[in-house]
């Protein structure tokens, strides 16, 4: 029960943080499970962003494979064809991951996933609170790997913002949501950075 309350709180806090960056006024209509609406008549629901992040990270790790499906979240299709994620924003166009840049970013992340996993086990790589990986313990030799991974992650984050015609300020909320998913998916003992900035072992 406590976990559910924390999750609800995170959704509201992240959404309010996002809205403050856009300079919009928000009103919450009673039920915290419902999306927050802003005056520009755009509905923002970071729960959907979290579902998007979870699906992408499952594909990167190999835990889930693209497949044809229908649901309230995914459109019909597959990753290399017409697979698309329905936008978390009601009046925005669908977010498609079939662009060459995003496809390349996902493929590259899949290729280096095992290598990053091994470094995480060693405790020399961790997940920071901005949705990026970070070299720990002064491992300068890992810098090139960190830069390549973080560049691919940023390609995905920026695609979510750009394809939904959001303000660049939305990037911080997108990064924070992906960072939350990375913390949840980390294995016991992995180094993670909490929203407060503190590094700890999961």
Protein backbone atom coordinates (compact mmCIF):
# COMPACT_ATOMS: atom_id res chain seq x y z
CA UNK A 1 0.00 0.00 0.00
CA UNK A 2 2.88 2.31 0.88
CA UNK A 3 4.45 1.59 -2.54
CA UNK A 4 1.26 2.63 -4.33
CA UNK A 5 1.12 5.90 -2.38
CA UNK A 6 4.76 6.60 -3.21
CA UNK A 7 4.14 5.90 -6.91
CA UNK A 8 1.15 8.26 -6.92
CA UNK A 9 3.20 10.91 -5.21
CA UNK A 10 6.01 10.52 -7.73
CA UNK A 11 3.61 10.91 -10.65
CA UNK A 12 2.16 14.10 -9.21
CA UNK A 13 5.54 15.55 -8.22
CA UNK A 14 7.12 14.80 -11.59
CA UNK A 15 4.13 16.25 -13.40
CA UNK A 16 4.12 19.41 -11.32
CA UNK A 17 7.88 19.72 -11.86
CA UNK A 18 7.32 19.40 -15.59
CA UNK A 19 4.52 21.95 -15.58
CA UNK A 20 6.53 24.46 -13.59
CA UNK A 21 9.19 24.33 -16.31
CA UNK A 22 6.56 25.13 -18.91
CA UNK A 23 5.14 28.01 -16.91
CA UNK A 24 1.61 26.61 -17.08
CA UNK A 25 -1.02 26.53 -14.38
CA UNK A 26 -2.27 23.11 -13.35
CA UNK A 27 -5.39 21.90 -11.63
CA UNK A 28 -5.87 18.46 -10.15
CA UNK A 29 -9.40 17.15 -10.31
CA UNK A 30 -9.85 15.15 -7.10
CA UNK A 31 -8.66 11.71 -8.11
CA UNK A 32 -4.81 11.51 -8.06
CA UNK A 33 -4.99 8.61 -10.52
CA UNK A 34 -6.28 10.93 -13.23
CA UNK A 35 -4.00 12.93 -15.52
CA UNK A 36 -3.33 16.56 -14.67
CA UNK A 37 -4.83 19.05 -17.11
CA UNK A 38 -3.32 22.41 -17.96
CA UNK A 39 -4.89 25.50 -19.44
CA UNK A 40 -3.46 24.88 -22.91
CA UNK A 41 -5.88 21.93 -23.18
CA UNK A 42 -3.06 19.39 -23.23
CA UNK A 43 -3.32 16.38 -20.95
CA UNK A 44 -0.04 15.19 -19.48
CA UNK A 45 0.24 11.82 -17.81
CA UNK A 46 3.77 10.80 -16.81
CA UNK A 47 2.51 7.31 -16.04
CA UNK A 48 2.40 6.81 -19.80
CA UNK A 49 5.94 8.14 -20.13
CA UNK A 50 6.98 5.59 -17.52
CA UNK A 51 5.30 2.82 -19.51
CA UNK A 52 7.17 4.02 -22.59
CA UNK A 53 10.46 3.99 -20.66
CA UNK A 54 9.78 0.52 -19.27
CA UNK A 55 9.02 -0.88 -22.73
CA UNK A 56 12.16 0.66 -24.27
CA UNK A 57 14.41 -0.57 -21.46
CA UNK A 58 12.92 -4.07 -21.73
CA UNK A 59 13.77 -4.08 -25.44
CA UNK A 60 17.30 -2.85 -24.76
CA UNK A 61 17.89 -5.56 -22.15
CA UNK A 62 16.31 -8.28 -24.31
CA UNK A 63 13.57 -8.95 -21.76
CA UNK A 64 10.91 -8.05 -24.29
CA UNK A 65 10.86 -8.37 -28.04
CA UNK A 66 8.86 -6.11 -30.40
CA UNK A 67 5.64 -7.80 -31.43
CA UNK A 68 2.38 -6.93 -33.09
CA UNK A 69 -0.19 -6.02 -30.51
CA UNK A 70 -3.16 -3.86 -29.70
CA UNK A 71 -3.76 -2.09 -26.43
CA UNK A 72 -4.65 1.29 -25.04
CA UNK A 73 -0.95 2.12 -25.03
CA UNK A 74 0.67 0.57 -28.11
CA UNK A 75 -0.52 0.93 -31.66
CA UNK A 76 -0.47 -1.98 -34.10
CA UNK A 77 2.83 -2.85 -35.67
CA UNK A 78 6.40 -3.68 -34.78
CA UNK A 79 9.56 -1.75 -34.02
CA UNK A 80 10.99 -1.99 -37.52
CA UNK A 81 7.71 -1.44 -39.30
CA UNK A 82 4.82 0.68 -38.14
CA UNK A 83 5.17 0.08 -34.40
CA UNK A 84 4.32 3.23 -32.48
CA UNK A 85 3.72 4.31 -28.94
CA UNK A 86 0.59 6.29 -28.38
CA UNK A 87 1.45 9.69 -27.05
CA UNK A 88 0.98 10.40 -23.34
CA UNK A 89 -0.37 13.77 -24.45
CA UNK A 90 -3.92 13.64 -25.71
CA UNK A 91 -3.63 16.28 -28.40
CA UNK A 92 -0.11 15.43 -29.54
CA UNK A 93 0.67 13.11 -32.50
CA UNK A 94 1.72 9.54 -31.88
CA UNK A 95 5.33 9.04 -30.89
CA UNK A 96 6.96 6.79 -33.48
CA UNK A 97 10.21 4.98 -32.76
CA UNK A 98 10.84 3.95 -36.33
CA UNK A 99 12.98 6.97 -37.17
CA UNK A 100 16.49 5.91 -38.24
CA UNK A 101 18.11 7.87 -35.41
CA UNK A 102 16.01 6.36 -32.66
CA UNK A 103 16.23 2.85 -34.13
CA UNK A 104 20.03 3.16 -34.27
CA UNK A 105 20.10 4.42 -30.68
CA UNK A 106 18.08 1.43 -29.46
CA UNK A 107 20.18 -1.04 -31.46
CA UNK A 108 23.44 0.46 -30.18
CA UNK A 109 22.21 0.34 -26.61
CA UNK A 110 21.29 -3.31 -27.03
CA UNK A 111 24.80 -4.05 -28.35
CA UNK A 112 26.53 -2.51 -25.33
CA UNK A 113 24.01 -3.66 -22.71
CA UNK A 114 26.05 -6.69 -21.63
CA UNK A 115 29.22 -4.65 -21.31
CA UNK A 116 27.52 -2.05 -19.13
CA UNK A 117 25.94 -4.80 -17.05
CA UNK A 118 29.36 -6.28 -16.32
CA UNK A 119 30.72 -2.90 -15.21
CA UNK A 120 27.68 -2.39 -12.97
CA UNK A 121 28.38 -5.72 -11.27
CA UNK A 122 31.93 -4.49 -10.63
CA UNK A 123 30.52 -1.31 -9.11
CA UNK A 124 32.36 1.02 -11.48
CA UNK A 125 29.28 2.14 -13.43
CA UNK A 126 26.02 3.40 -12.00
CA UNK A 127 22.69 4.90 -13.03
CA UNK A 128 22.42 8.58 -12.17
CA UNK A 129 19.22 10.53 -11.45
CA UNK A 130 19.15 12.11 -14.92
CA UNK A 131 18.58 8.91 -16.87
CA UNK A 132 22.28 8.55 -17.73
CA UNK A 133 25.09 6.16 -16.83
CA UNK A 134 28.10 7.43 -14.91
CA UNK A 135 31.61 6.08 -14.39
CA UNK A 136 32.40 5.73 -10.68
CA UNK A 137 35.64 5.47 -8.74
CA UNK A 138 37.68 7.60 -11.12
CA UNK A 139 37.45 5.20 -14.07
CA UNK A 140 38.38 7.68 -16.81
CA UNK A 141 38.90 4.76 -19.20
CA UNK A 142 35.15 4.26 -19.28
CA UNK A 143 34.40 7.80 -20.46
CA UNK A 144 34.02 6.92 -24.15
CA UNK A 145 31.57 4.15 -23.31
CA UNK A 146 29.58 6.46 -21.01
CA UNK A 147 29.40 9.17 -23.66
CA UNK A 148 28.18 6.77 -26.35
CA UNK A 149 25.47 5.31 -24.10
CA UNK A 150 24.30 8.69 -22.85
CA UNK A 151 24.21 10.11 -26.37
CA UNK A 152 21.90 7.29 -27.46
CA UNK A 153 19.69 7.80 -24.42
CA UNK A 154 19.44 11.50 -25.17
CA UNK A 155 18.41 10.71 -28.75
CA UNK A 156 15.45 8.78 -27.35
CA UNK A 157 14.54 11.41 -24.75
CA UNK A 158 14.67 14.22 -27.29
CA UNK A 159 12.57 12.26 -29.75
CA UNK A 160 9.83 11.96 -27.14
CA UNK A 161 9.89 15.72 -26.65
CA UNK A 162 10.23 16.75 -30.29
CA UNK A 163 7.71 14.34 -31.75
CA UNK A 164 5.11 15.53 -29.26
CA UNK A 165 5.86 19.23 -29.85
CA UNK A 166 6.72 19.77 -26.19
CA UNK A 167 8.79 22.54 -24.69
CA UNK A 168 12.52 21.73 -24.33
CA UNK A 169 11.91 22.13 -20.59
CA UNK A 170 10.07 18.80 -20.73
CA UNK A 171 13.42 17.01 -21.12
CA UNK A 172 14.08 17.18 -17.38
CA UNK A 173 10.82 15.36 -16.60
CA UNK A 174 11.49 12.75 -19.31
CA UNK A 175 15.00 12.12 -17.97
CA UNK A 176 13.73 11.86 -14.39
CA UNK A 177 11.09 9.33 -15.44
CA UNK A 178 13.61 7.15 -17.29
CA UNK A 179 15.96 7.41 -14.29
CA UNK A 180 13.18 6.12 -12.05
CA UNK A 181 12.67 3.12 -14.33
CA UNK A 182 16.42 2.44 -14.36
CA UNK A 183 16.50 2.44 -10.56
CA UNK A 184 13.60 0.02 -10.43
CA UNK A 185 15.23 -2.29 -12.97
CA UNK A 186 18.67 -2.24 -11.33
CA UNK A 187 19.84 -5.43 -9.67
CA UNK A 188 20.61 -5.66 -5.93
CA UNK A 189 24.05 -4.21 -5.33
CA UNK A 190 23.99 -1.95 -8.41
CA UNK A 191 24.99 1.67 -7.81
CA UNK A 192 22.13 4.11 -8.26
CA UNK A 193 21.74 7.82 -7.64
CA UNK A 194 18.63 8.85 -5.73
CA UNK A 195 16.58 11.93 -6.70
CA UNK A 196 18.26 13.70 -3.77
CA UNK A 197 21.65 13.26 -5.47
CA UNK A 198 22.91 10.63 -3.03
CA UNK A 199 24.63 7.56 -4.50
CA UNK A 200 23.81 4.22 -2.91
CA UNK A 201 23.83 0.49 -3.62
CA UNK A 202 20.40 -0.88 -4.38
